[in-house]
Amino acid sequence: MPYMTAGSRYSDQQRREAVALYVLHGNWKRVSELTRIPERTLNDWSIQPWFATMLAELRAEKGAEFDGALTRVLDEATKQLLDRLQRGDPYVVGGEVKRRPVAAKDLAIIAGVAFDKRQLCRNLPLETGPKIDAARDLAEKLEAYVVAKRAAERQNSRD
């Protein structure tokens, strides 16, 4: 989509680069330093109709790049975690790499964090059991208290 206006001394590519730098740095002063485009010009661009569209496009592109990078990090970390769970943590003795089983404490933490993250991905509750039952029990007791108090107030108003 062309953004350039007639008679502009800046190309669409320069505008796109400036807006991309704005996405990265968040202020026109730094963008002006990097592009040598006057800050006043950049501020004027920010109120033009094309600016919001270009900004949204570039933010979506950067968001997709970031998502992809984080997915690669999670994938690699998961591979290494599974390797260590199956084969143990590596350590070096006399220049030779050996493996020691992962400590029970670490296994418990890994399992707990993995469980919580899986629950979040599935939109399921993190906590189950006694805490939820205690909260439900408290709610029922409070409800019974309110019902009894209202009944007592009605009885008192009749007397």
N, C-alpha and C. Protein backbone atom coordinates (compact mmCIF):
# COMPACT_ATOMS: atom_id res chain seq x y z
N MET A 1 0.85 -1.18 0.00
CA MET A 1 0.00 0.00 0.00
C MET A 1 0.90 1.24 0.00
N PRO A 2 0.76 2.12 -0.99
CA PRO A 2 1.60 3.31 -1.01
C PRO A 2 1.14 4.32 0.04
N TYR A 3 2.10 4.89 0.74
CA TYR A 3 1.80 5.85 1.79
C TYR A 3 2.26 7.25 1.42
N MET A 4 3.07 7.33 0.37
CA MET A 4 3.71 8.58 0.03
C MET A 4 2.69 9.58 -0.50
N THR A 5 2.90 10.81 -0.15
CA THR A 5 2.05 11.87 -0.67
C THR A 5 2.81 12.62 -1.75
N ALA A 6 2.08 13.27 -2.64
CA ALA A 6 2.71 13.99 -3.75
C ALA A 6 3.67 15.04 -3.21
N GLY A 7 4.83 15.11 -3.82
CA GLY A 7 5.81 16.12 -3.45
C GLY A 7 6.61 15.80 -2.20
N SER A 8 6.45 14.65 -1.62
CA SER A 8 7.19 14.30 -0.41
C SER A 8 8.65 14.03 -0.76
N ARG A 9 9.55 14.43 0.12
CA ARG A 9 10.96 14.16 -0.15
C ARG A 9 11.41 12.82 0.41
N TYR A 10 10.49 12.10 1.09
CA TYR A 10 10.81 10.79 1.67
C TYR A 10 10.03 9.69 0.96
N SER A 11 10.70 8.57 0.73
CA SER A 11 10.07 7.45 0.05
C SER A 11 9.25 6.62 1.03
N ASP A 12 8.42 5.74 0.48
CA ASP A 12 7.67 4.80 1.33
C ASP A 12 8.63 3.96 2.16
N GLN A 13 9.75 3.57 1.56
CA GLN A 13 10.74 2.75 2.27
C GLN A 13 11.31 3.51 3.48
N GLN A 14 11.59 4.82 3.31
CA GLN A 14 12.10 5.61 4.42
C GLN A 14 11.05 5.76 5.52
N ARG A 15 9.82 5.93 5.12
CA ARG A 15 8.74 6.03 6.10
C ARG A 15 8.59 4.72 6.87
N ARG A 16 8.62 3.63 6.12
CA ARG A 16 8.49 2.31 6.74
C ARG A 16 9.64 2.06 7.72
N GLU A 17 10.85 2.41 7.30
CA GLU A 17 12.02 2.24 8.18
C GLU A 17 11.86 3.08 9.45
N ALA A 18 11.39 4.31 9.30
CA ALA A 18 11.21 5.19 10.46
C ALA A 18 10.16 4.62 11.41
N VAL A 19 9.06 4.15 10.86
CA VAL A 19 8.01 3.58 11.72
C VAL A 19 8.50 2.30 12.39
N ALA A 20 9.27 1.48 11.66
CA ALA A 20 9.84 0.26 12.25
C ALA A 20 10.78 0.61 13.40
N LEU A 21 11.58 1.65 13.22
CA LEU A 21 12.46 2.08 14.31
C LEU A 21 11.67 2.62 15.48
N TYR A 22 10.53 3.25 15.19
CA TYR A 22 9.65 3.72 16.26
C TYR A 22 9.09 2.53 17.06
N VAL A 23 8.74 1.47 16.36
CA VAL A 23 8.25 0.26 17.03
C VAL A 23 9.33 -0.27 17.98
N LEU A 24 10.59 -0.25 17.53
CA LEU A 24 11.68 -0.79 18.34
C LEU A 24 12.11 0.14 19.48
N HIS A 25 12.15 1.45 19.23
CA HIS A 25 12.69 2.38 20.22
C HIS A 25 11.65 3.16 21.00
N GLY A 26 10.45 3.32 20.42
CA GLY A 26 9.36 3.95 21.15
C GLY A 26 9.40 5.46 21.25
N ASN A 27 10.36 6.12 20.58
CA ASN A 27 10.33 7.58 20.60
C ASN A 27 10.94 8.16 19.33
N TRP A 28 10.40 9.30 18.94
CA TRP A 28 10.82 9.91 17.68
C TRP A 28 12.20 10.52 17.77
N LYS A 29 12.63 10.94 18.94
CA LYS A 29 13.97 11.53 19.08
C LYS A 29 15.03 10.55 18.62
N ARG A 30 14.93 9.30 19.11
CA ARG A 30 15.92 8.28 18.73
C ARG A 30 15.78 7.94 17.24
N VAL A 31 14.55 7.88 16.74
CA VAL A 31 14.33 7.59 15.32
C VAL A 31 14.97 8.69 14.47
N SER A 32 14.82 9.93 14.89
CA SER A 32 15.40 11.05 14.17
C SER A 32 16.92 10.94 14.13
N GLU A 33 17.51 10.58 15.27
CA GLU A 33 18.98 10.40 15.33
C GLU A 33 19.44 9.32 14.37
N LEU A 34 18.68 8.23 14.28
CA LEU A 34 19.08 7.09 13.45
C LEU A 34 18.83 7.32 11.95
N THR A 35 17.77 8.06 11.63
CA THR A 35 17.39 8.21 10.22
C THR A 35 17.78 9.55 9.63
N ARG A 36 18.11 10.52 10.49
CA ARG A 36 18.40 11.89 10.06
C ARG A 36 17.17 12.59 9.48
N ILE A 37 15.99 12.06 9.78
CA ILE A 37 14.73 12.72 9.41
C ILE A 37 14.37 13.62 10.58
N PRO A 38 14.07 14.89 10.33
CA PRO A 38 13.75 15.80 11.44
C PRO A 38 12.61 15.27 12.32
N GLU A 39 12.77 15.49 13.60
CA GLU A 39 11.76 15.02 14.56
C GLU A 39 10.40 15.63 14.28
N ARG A 40 10.37 16.87 13.84
CA ARG A 40 9.11 17.53 13.50
C ARG A 40 8.39 16.79 12.37
N THR A 41 9.15 16.36 11.37
CA THR A 41 8.57 15.60 10.26
C THR A 41 7.99 14.28 10.77
N LEU A 42 8.74 13.61 11.62
CA LEU A 42 8.27 12.34 12.19
C LEU A 42 6.99 12.55 12.99
N ASN A 43 6.94 13.61 13.78
CA ASN A 43 5.73 13.92 14.55
C ASN A 43 4.55 14.21 13.62
N ASP A 44 4.83 14.92 12.53
CA ASP A 44 3.76 15.19 11.55
C ASP A 44 3.26 13.88 10.95
N TRP A 45 4.16 12.98 10.65
CA TRP A 45 3.75 11.69 10.09
C TRP A 45 2.82 10.94 11.05
N SER A 46 3.11 11.05 12.33
CA SER A 46 2.35 10.26 13.32
C SER A 46 0.87 10.62 13.37
N ILE A 47 0.47 11.74 12.80
CA ILE A 47 -0.95 12.11 12.80
C ILE A 47 -1.60 11.89 11.44
N GLN A 48 -0.84 11.35 10.51
CA GLN A 48 -1.38 11.07 9.18
C GLN A 48 -2.16 9.76 9.20
N PRO A 49 -3.18 9.63 8.36
CA PRO A 49 -3.99 8.40 8.34
C PRO A 49 -3.19 7.13 8.07
N TRP A 50 -2.17 7.20 7.24
CA TRP A 50 -1.39 6.02 6.89
C TRP A 50 -0.55 5.51 8.06
N PHE A 51 -0.24 6.41 9.00
CA PHE A 51 0.67 6.04 10.10
C PHE A 51 0.11 4.90 10.95
N ALA A 52 -1.13 5.02 11.36
CA ALA A 52 -1.74 4.00 12.24
C ALA A 52 -1.77 2.64 11.55
N THR A 53 -2.05 2.65 10.26
CA THR A 53 -2.08 1.40 9.50
C THR A 53 -0.70 0.77 9.44
N MET A 54 0.30 1.58 9.09
CA MET A 54 1.67 1.07 9.00
C MET A 54 2.17 0.60 10.36
N LEU A 55 1.88 1.36 11.40
CA LEU A 55 2.29 0.99 12.75
C LEU A 55 1.69 -0.37 13.15
N ALA A 56 0.41 -0.56 12.87
CA ALA A 56 -0.25 -1.83 13.20
C ALA A 56 0.37 -2.98 12.41
N GLU A 57 0.66 -2.76 11.12
CA GLU A 57 1.27 -3.80 10.29
C GLU A 57 2.64 -4.20 10.84
N LEU A 58 3.46 -3.19 11.16
CA LEU A 58 4.81 -3.49 11.65
C LEU A 58 4.80 -4.14 13.03
N ARG A 59 3.89 -3.70 13.88
CA ARG A 59 3.77 -4.34 15.20
C ARG A 59 3.35 -5.80 15.06
N ALA A 60 2.44 -6.07 14.14
CA ALA A 60 2.00 -7.45 13.90
C ALA A 60 3.16 -8.29 13.38
N GLU A 61 3.95 -7.74 12.46
CA GLU A 61 5.12 -8.46 11.93
C GLU A 61 6.12 -8.75 13.04
N LYS A 62 6.44 -7.73 13.85
CA LYS A 62 7.39 -7.94 14.95
C LYS A 62 6.84 -8.94 15.96
N GLY A 63 5.53 -8.87 16.22
CA GLY A 63 4.91 -9.81 17.15
C GLY A 63 5.03 -11.24 16.65
N ALA A 64 4.84 -11.43 15.35
CA ALA A 64 4.96 -12.77 14.78
C ALA A 64 6.41 -13.27 14.85
N GLU A 65 7.37 -12.37 14.58
CA GLU A 65 8.79 -12.74 14.69
C GLU A 65 9.13 -13.13 16.12
N PHE A 66 8.67 -12.33 17.06
CA PHE A 66 8.94 -12.59 18.48
C PHE A 66 8.32 -13.91 18.91
N ASP A 67 7.09 -14.16 18.49
CA ASP A 67 6.42 -15.41 18.81
C ASP A 67 7.19 -16.60 18.27
N GLY A 68 7.66 -16.48 17.03
CA GLY A 68 8.45 -17.56 16.43
C GLY A 68 9.75 -17.81 17.19
N ALA A 69 10.43 -16.73 17.56
CA ALA A 69 11.68 -16.87 18.31
C ALA A 69 11.44 -17.53 19.66
N LEU A 70 10.38 -17.10 20.36
CA LEU A 70 10.09 -17.71 21.66
C LEU A 70 9.69 -19.17 21.52
N THR A 71 9.00 -19.51 20.45
CA THR A 71 8.64 -20.90 20.20
C THR A 71 9.89 -21.74 20.00
N ARG A 72 10.87 -21.22 19.26
CA ARG A 72 12.14 -21.95 19.07
C ARG A 72 12.88 -22.12 20.41
N VAL A 73 12.87 -21.08 21.24
CA VAL A 73 13.51 -21.18 22.56
C VAL A 73 12.83 -22.27 23.39
N LEU A 74 11.50 -22.25 23.42
CA LEU A 74 10.77 -23.26 24.19
C LEU A 74 11.01 -24.66 23.65
N ASP A 75 11.06 -24.79 22.35
CA ASP A 75 11.30 -26.10 21.74
C ASP A 75 12.68 -26.64 22.14
N GLU A 76 13.69 -25.80 22.03
CA GLU A 76 15.06 -26.23 22.39
C GLU A 76 15.17 -26.52 23.88
N ALA A 77 14.58 -25.68 24.71
CA ALA A 77 14.63 -25.90 26.15
C ALA A 77 13.92 -27.20 26.52
N THR A 78 12.81 -27.48 25.86
CA THR A 78 12.07 -28.72 26.13
C THR A 78 12.89 -29.94 25.73
N LYS A 79 13.56 -29.86 24.57
CA LYS A 79 14.42 -30.98 24.13
C LYS A 79 15.53 -31.23 25.16
N GLN A 80 16.18 -30.17 25.61
CA GLN A 80 17.27 -30.33 26.58
C GLN A 80 16.74 -30.82 27.93
N LEU A 81 15.59 -30.34 28.33
CA LEU A 81 14.99 -30.79 29.58
C LEU A 81 14.67 -32.29 29.53
N LEU A 82 14.06 -32.72 28.43
CA LEU A 82 13.75 -34.15 28.28
C LEU A 82 15.02 -34.99 28.29
N ASP A 83 16.07 -34.51 27.62
CA ASP A 83 17.35 -35.22 27.61
C ASP A 83 17.89 -35.37 29.03
N ARG A 84 17.84 -34.32 29.79
CA ARG A 84 18.36 -34.38 31.16
C ARG A 84 17.50 -35.25 32.07
N LEU A 85 16.19 -35.21 31.86
CA LEU A 85 15.32 -36.08 32.66
C LEU A 85 15.60 -37.55 32.36
N GLN A 86 15.85 -37.86 31.09
CA GLN A 86 16.07 -39.25 30.68
C GLN A 86 17.50 -39.73 30.96
N ARG A 87 18.48 -38.86 30.73
CA ARG A 87 19.88 -39.29 30.82
C ARG A 87 20.64 -38.68 31.98
N GLY A 88 20.05 -37.71 32.67
CA GLY A 88 20.71 -37.07 33.79
C GLY A 88 21.42 -35.79 33.40
N ASP A 89 21.82 -35.02 34.43
CA ASP A 89 22.56 -33.77 34.20
C ASP A 89 24.01 -34.09 33.88
N PRO A 90 24.57 -33.44 32.86
CA PRO A 90 25.99 -33.69 32.55
C PRO A 90 26.91 -32.97 33.52
N TYR A 91 28.05 -33.59 33.80
CA TYR A 91 29.11 -32.95 34.56
C TYR A 91 30.43 -33.54 34.08
N VAL A 92 31.51 -32.81 34.31
CA VAL A 92 32.82 -33.21 33.78
C VAL A 92 33.71 -33.69 34.92
N VAL A 93 34.32 -34.86 34.72
CA VAL A 93 35.29 -35.40 35.66
C VAL A 93 36.52 -35.79 34.85
N GLY A 94 37.64 -35.13 35.13
CA GLY A 94 38.89 -35.44 34.43
C GLY A 94 38.76 -35.33 32.92
N GLY A 95 38.03 -34.31 32.45
CA GLY A 95 37.87 -34.11 31.02
C GLY A 95 36.83 -35.01 30.37
N GLU A 96 36.20 -35.89 31.16
CA GLU A 96 35.17 -36.80 30.63
C GLU A 96 33.79 -36.36 31.11
N VAL A 97 32.83 -36.31 30.18
CA VAL A 97 31.45 -35.93 30.53
C VAL A 97 30.72 -37.16 31.06
N LYS A 98 30.20 -37.00 32.27
CA LYS A 98 29.40 -38.07 32.88
C LYS A 98 28.00 -37.51 33.13
N ARG A 99 27.10 -38.39 33.50
CA ARG A 99 25.72 -37.97 33.78
C ARG A 99 25.33 -38.39 35.19
N ARG A 100 24.61 -37.50 35.88
CA ARG A 100 24.09 -37.82 37.21
C ARG A 100 22.58 -37.61 37.15
N PRO A 101 21.81 -38.52 37.76
CA PRO A 101 20.35 -38.36 37.75
C PRO A 101 19.93 -37.01 38.31
N VAL A 102 18.86 -36.47 37.78
CA VAL A 102 18.33 -35.19 38.26
C VAL A 102 17.80 -35.41 39.68
N ALA A 103 18.09 -34.47 40.57
CA ALA A 103 17.68 -34.57 41.98
C ALA A 103 16.15 -34.58 42.10
N ALA A 104 15.66 -35.29 43.11
CA ALA A 104 14.22 -35.40 43.34
C ALA A 104 13.57 -34.02 43.50
N LYS A 105 14.23 -33.13 44.23
CA LYS A 105 13.70 -31.78 44.42
C LYS A 105 13.52 -31.08 43.06
N ASP A 106 14.52 -31.20 42.20
CA ASP A 106 14.44 -30.59 40.87
C ASP A 106 13.35 -31.24 40.04
N LEU A 107 13.21 -32.55 40.15
CA LEU A 107 12.15 -33.25 39.41
C LEU A 107 10.77 -32.76 39.85
N ALA A 108 10.61 -32.57 41.16
CA ALA A 108 9.32 -32.10 41.67
C ALA A 108 9.01 -30.69 41.15
N ILE A 109 10.01 -29.83 41.12
CA ILE A 109 9.82 -28.47 40.61
C ILE A 109 9.49 -28.51 39.12
N ILE A 110 10.24 -29.29 38.36
CA ILE A 110 10.01 -29.40 36.92
C ILE A 110 8.60 -29.92 36.65
N ALA A 111 8.21 -30.96 37.36
CA ALA A 111 6.87 -31.53 37.16
C ALA A 111 5.78 -30.52 37.52
N GLY A 112 5.97 -29.81 38.63
CA GLY A 112 4.97 -28.82 39.05
C GLY A 112 4.83 -27.68 38.06
N VAL A 113 5.95 -27.15 37.60
CA VAL A 113 5.91 -26.05 36.63
C VAL A 113 5.31 -26.53 35.31
N ALA A 114 5.73 -27.70 34.85
CA ALA A 114 5.20 -28.24 33.59
C ALA A 114 3.69 -28.47 33.69
N PHE A 115 3.25 -28.99 34.83
CA PHE A 115 1.82 -29.22 35.04
C PHE A 115 1.06 -27.91 34.98
N ASP A 116 1.56 -26.90 35.72
CA ASP A 116 0.88 -25.60 35.74
C ASP A 116 0.80 -24.99 34.35
N LYS A 117 1.89 -25.05 33.59
CA LYS A 117 1.89 -24.47 32.24
C LYS A 117 0.94 -25.22 31.33
N ARG A 118 0.89 -26.53 31.46
CA ARG A 118 -0.05 -27.31 30.65
C ARG A 118 -1.48 -26.94 30.99
N GLN A 119 -1.77 -26.77 32.29
CA GLN A 119 -3.12 -26.38 32.71
C GLN A 119 -3.49 -25.02 32.11
N LEU A 120 -2.55 -24.08 32.15
CA LEU A 120 -2.81 -22.75 31.60
C LEU A 120 -3.09 -22.84 30.10
N CYS A 121 -2.30 -23.63 29.38
CA CYS A 121 -2.50 -23.80 27.94
C CYS A 121 -3.88 -24.39 27.64
N ARG A 122 -4.36 -25.21 28.52
CA ARG A 122 -5.66 -25.87 28.34
C ARG A 122 -6.81 -25.07 28.95
N ASN A 123 -6.51 -23.90 29.49
CA ASN A 123 -7.50 -23.06 30.17
C ASN A 123 -8.18 -23.80 31.31
N LEU A 124 -7.40 -24.57 32.05
CA LEU A 124 -7.91 -25.30 33.20
C LEU A 124 -7.37 -24.67 34.48
N PRO A 125 -8.03 -24.89 35.62
CA PRO A 125 -7.54 -24.29 36.87
C PRO A 125 -6.20 -24.88 37.28
N LEU A 126 -5.38 -24.04 37.91
CA LEU A 126 -4.08 -24.50 38.39
C LEU A 126 -4.21 -25.29 39.68
N GLU A 127 -5.13 -24.88 40.53
CA GLU A 127 -5.27 -25.54 41.83
C GLU A 127 -6.56 -26.34 41.88
N THR A 128 -6.44 -27.49 42.47
CA THR A 128 -7.62 -28.32 42.68
C THR A 128 -7.55 -28.88 44.10
N GLY A 129 -8.61 -29.49 44.51
CA GLY A 129 -8.57 -30.17 45.80
C GLY A 129 -8.91 -29.29 46.97
N PRO A 130 -8.17 -29.44 48.08
CA PRO A 130 -8.54 -28.84 49.36
C PRO A 130 -8.78 -27.33 49.33
N LYS A 131 -7.97 -26.56 48.60
CA LYS A 131 -8.14 -25.12 48.60
C LYS A 131 -9.48 -24.73 47.99
N ILE A 132 -9.82 -25.35 46.89
CA ILE A 132 -11.10 -25.05 46.24
C ILE A 132 -12.23 -25.52 47.14
N ASP A 133 -12.12 -26.70 47.74
CA ASP A 133 -13.15 -27.20 48.64
C ASP A 133 -13.32 -26.28 49.84
N ALA A 134 -12.22 -25.76 50.39
CA ALA A 134 -12.29 -24.86 51.53
C ALA A 134 -12.99 -23.56 51.15
N ALA A 135 -12.70 -23.04 49.96
CA ALA A 135 -13.34 -21.81 49.51
C ALA A 135 -14.84 -22.05 49.29
N ARG A 136 -15.18 -23.18 48.71
CA ARG A 136 -16.59 -23.50 48.48
C ARG A 136 -17.30 -23.65 49.82
N ASP A 137 -16.66 -24.31 50.78
CA ASP A 137 -17.24 -24.51 52.11
C ASP A 137 -17.48 -23.15 52.79
N LEU A 138 -16.50 -22.26 52.69
CA LEU A 138 -16.64 -20.93 53.28
C LEU A 138 -17.79 -20.17 52.62
N ALA A 139 -17.89 -20.24 51.30
CA ALA A 139 -18.97 -19.56 50.57
C ALA A 139 -20.33 -20.09 51.03
N GLU A 140 -20.44 -21.40 51.20
CA GLU A 140 -21.71 -21.99 51.66
C GLU A 140 -22.04 -21.52 53.07
N LYS A 141 -21.04 -21.43 53.95
CA LYS A 141 -21.28 -20.97 55.31
C LYS A 141 -21.72 -19.51 55.33
N LEU A 142 -21.07 -18.68 54.51
CA LEU A 142 -21.46 -17.28 54.44
C LEU A 142 -22.88 -17.12 53.91
N GLU A 143 -23.21 -17.91 52.91
CA GLU A 143 -24.56 -17.87 52.35
C GLU A 143 -25.59 -18.27 53.40
N ALA A 144 -25.29 -19.33 54.15
CA ALA A 144 -26.21 -19.78 55.20
C ALA A 144 -26.36 -18.71 56.28
N TYR A 145 -25.25 -18.03 56.61
CA TYR A 145 -25.29 -16.95 57.61
C TYR A 145 -26.21 -15.82 57.15
N VAL A 146 -26.05 -15.41 55.88
CA VAL A 146 -26.87 -14.32 55.34
C VAL A 146 -28.34 -14.72 55.33
N VAL A 147 -28.66 -15.94 54.93
CA VAL A 147 -30.04 -16.41 54.90
C VAL A 147 -30.61 -16.40 56.32
N ALA A 148 -29.85 -16.89 57.30
CA ALA A 148 -30.33 -16.92 58.68
C ALA A 148 -30.52 -15.51 59.23
N LYS A 149 -29.60 -14.59 58.91
CA LYS A 149 -29.69 -13.21 59.39
C LYS A 149 -30.92 -12.53 58.81
N ARG A 150 -31.18 -12.73 57.54
CA ARG A 150 -32.36 -12.14 56.92
C ARG A 150 -33.65 -12.70 57.52
N ALA A 151 -33.64 -13.99 57.79
CA ALA A 151 -34.82 -14.61 58.41
C ALA A 151 -35.05 -14.02 59.79
N ALA A 152 -33.97 -13.83 60.55
CA ALA A 152 -34.08 -13.26 61.89
C ALA A 152 -34.58 -11.83 61.82
N GLU A 153 -34.11 -11.05 60.84
CA GLU A 153 -34.56 -9.67 60.68
C GLU A 153 -36.05 -9.62 60.32
N ARG A 154 -36.49 -10.54 59.47
CA ARG A 154 -37.92 -10.59 59.12
C ARG A 154 -38.75 -10.94 60.34
N GLN A 155 -38.25 -11.87 61.14
CA GLN A 155 -38.96 -12.30 62.35
C GLN A 155 -39.05 -11.13 63.32
N ASN A 156 -37.95 -10.39 63.50
CA ASN A 156 -37.93 -9.25 64.43
C ASN A 156 -38.86 -8.16 63.97
N SER A 157 -38.97 -7.95 62.65
CA SER A 157 -39.83 -6.88 62.15
C SER A 157 -41.31 -7.24 62.31
N ARG A 158 -41.65 -8.52 62.42
CA ARG A 158 -43.04 -8.95 62.63
C ARG A 158 -43.43 -8.80 64.09
N ASP A 159 -42.47 -8.92 64.98
CA ASP A 159 -42.76 -8.88 66.43
C ASP A 159 -43.04 -7.52 66.92
